[in-house]
Amino acid sequence: MTAKTERAAAIRWIQAEMADYGLTMEELEAAGCFDPPPPPPPPPAPPPVVCYRNAAGQSWDGQGEMPDWLRRAVNAGQSVEFFRVG
């Protein structure tokens, strides 16, 4: 079946359904059948870039408050730069 004949068959099916249910174009329009589709959702945000990591695999991207594991290490005398990745 070509696209043209499939389209014609779909139109005939829609017309038959409308006749079976007594629907008019005005009723379909009022029901929102011809409204444009909603826009697609925005793509997910990329994962944060890890700037600091310890041997246990805990990480921090350098944004916001310093995490407890890093604060404890700094308070114990370790440099923040020791945990810098890259």
Protein backbone atom coordinates (compact mmCIF):
# COMPACT_ATOMS: atom_id res chain seq x y z
CA MET A 1 0.00 0.00 0.00
CA THR A 2 1.40 3.40 -0.91
CA ALA A 3 1.41 6.39 1.39
CA LYS A 4 -1.34 7.98 -0.71
CA THR A 5 -3.69 5.00 -0.37
CA GLU A 6 -2.88 4.63 3.36
CA ARG A 7 -3.76 8.29 3.84
CA ALA A 8 -7.03 7.87 1.94
CA ALA A 9 -7.90 4.81 4.06
CA ALA A 10 -7.17 6.75 7.26
CA ILE A 11 -9.42 9.60 6.13
CA ARG A 12 -12.25 7.18 5.36
CA TRP A 13 -11.83 5.53 8.79
CA ILE A 14 -11.93 8.91 10.56
CA GLN A 15 -15.03 9.95 8.61
CA ALA A 16 -16.75 6.66 9.50
CA GLU A 17 -15.89 7.05 13.21
CA MET A 18 -17.15 10.62 13.22
CA ALA A 19 -20.41 9.48 11.61
CA ASP A 20 -20.78 6.55 14.06
CA TYR A 21 -20.38 8.86 17.06
CA GLY A 22 -22.13 11.88 15.56
CA LEU A 23 -19.07 14.09 15.94
CA THR A 24 -18.62 17.39 14.14
CA MET A 25 -15.43 19.24 13.31
CA GLU A 26 -16.51 21.98 15.73
CA GLU A 27 -16.79 19.47 18.58
CA LEU A 28 -13.38 18.01 17.80
CA GLU A 29 -11.85 21.47 17.66
CA ALA A 30 -13.47 22.42 20.99
CA ALA A 31 -12.04 19.24 22.52
CA GLY A 32 -8.53 20.36 21.53
CA CYS A 33 -7.97 17.77 18.81
CA PHE A 34 -6.30 20.32 16.54
CA ASP A 35 -4.19 22.14 19.15
CA PRO A 36 -0.46 22.03 18.45
CA PRO A 37 1.41 19.42 20.45
CA PRO A 38 3.21 20.61 23.57
CA PRO A 39 6.90 21.42 23.14
CA PRO A 40 9.30 18.60 23.97
CA PRO A 41 10.83 18.66 27.43
CA PRO A 42 14.26 20.24 27.71
CA PRO A 43 17.20 17.87 27.53
CA PRO A 44 18.58 16.72 30.88
CA ALA A 45 21.35 18.78 32.39
CA PRO A 46 24.83 17.37 31.92
CA PRO A 47 26.31 15.71 34.99
CA PRO A 48 28.45 17.96 37.15
CA VAL A 49 32.17 18.01 36.42
CA VAL A 50 34.13 16.41 39.23
CA CYS A 51 36.89 18.71 40.46
CA TYR A 52 37.83 16.97 43.72
CA ARG A 53 37.81 13.28 44.66
CA ASN A 54 39.09 11.22 47.59
CA ALA A 55 40.37 7.64 47.64
CA ALA A 56 36.93 6.33 48.64
CA GLY A 57 35.45 7.77 45.42
CA GLN A 58 33.55 10.63 47.05
CA SER A 59 33.59 13.69 44.83
CA TRP A 60 32.72 17.37 44.74
CA ASP A 61 32.27 19.65 41.75
CA GLY A 62 33.54 22.72 43.62
CA GLN A 63 30.10 24.35 43.66
CA GLY A 64 28.23 25.16 46.83
CA GLU A 65 29.24 24.21 50.33
CA MET A 66 32.31 22.01 50.81
CA PRO A 67 31.23 18.43 51.61
CA ASP A 68 31.92 16.93 55.04
CA TRP A 69 34.55 14.47 53.81
CA LEU A 70 36.62 17.30 52.32
CA ARG A 71 36.06 19.67 55.24
CA ARG A 72 37.27 16.98 57.67
CA ALA A 73 40.41 16.41 55.56
CA VAL A 74 41.16 20.14 55.39
CA ASN A 75 40.58 20.51 59.14
CA ALA A 76 43.05 17.65 59.65
CA GLY A 77 45.69 19.63 57.74
CA GLN A 78 45.33 18.30 54.19
CA SER A 79 45.31 20.78 51.30
CA VAL A 80 42.20 21.01 49.15
CA GLU A 81 44.48 20.86 46.11
CA PHE A 82 45.59 17.37 47.16
CA PHE A 83 42.11 16.13 46.14
CA ARG A 84 41.95 18.04 42.82
CA VAL A 85 41.25 15.83 39.81
CA GLY A 86 43.25 16.38 36.65
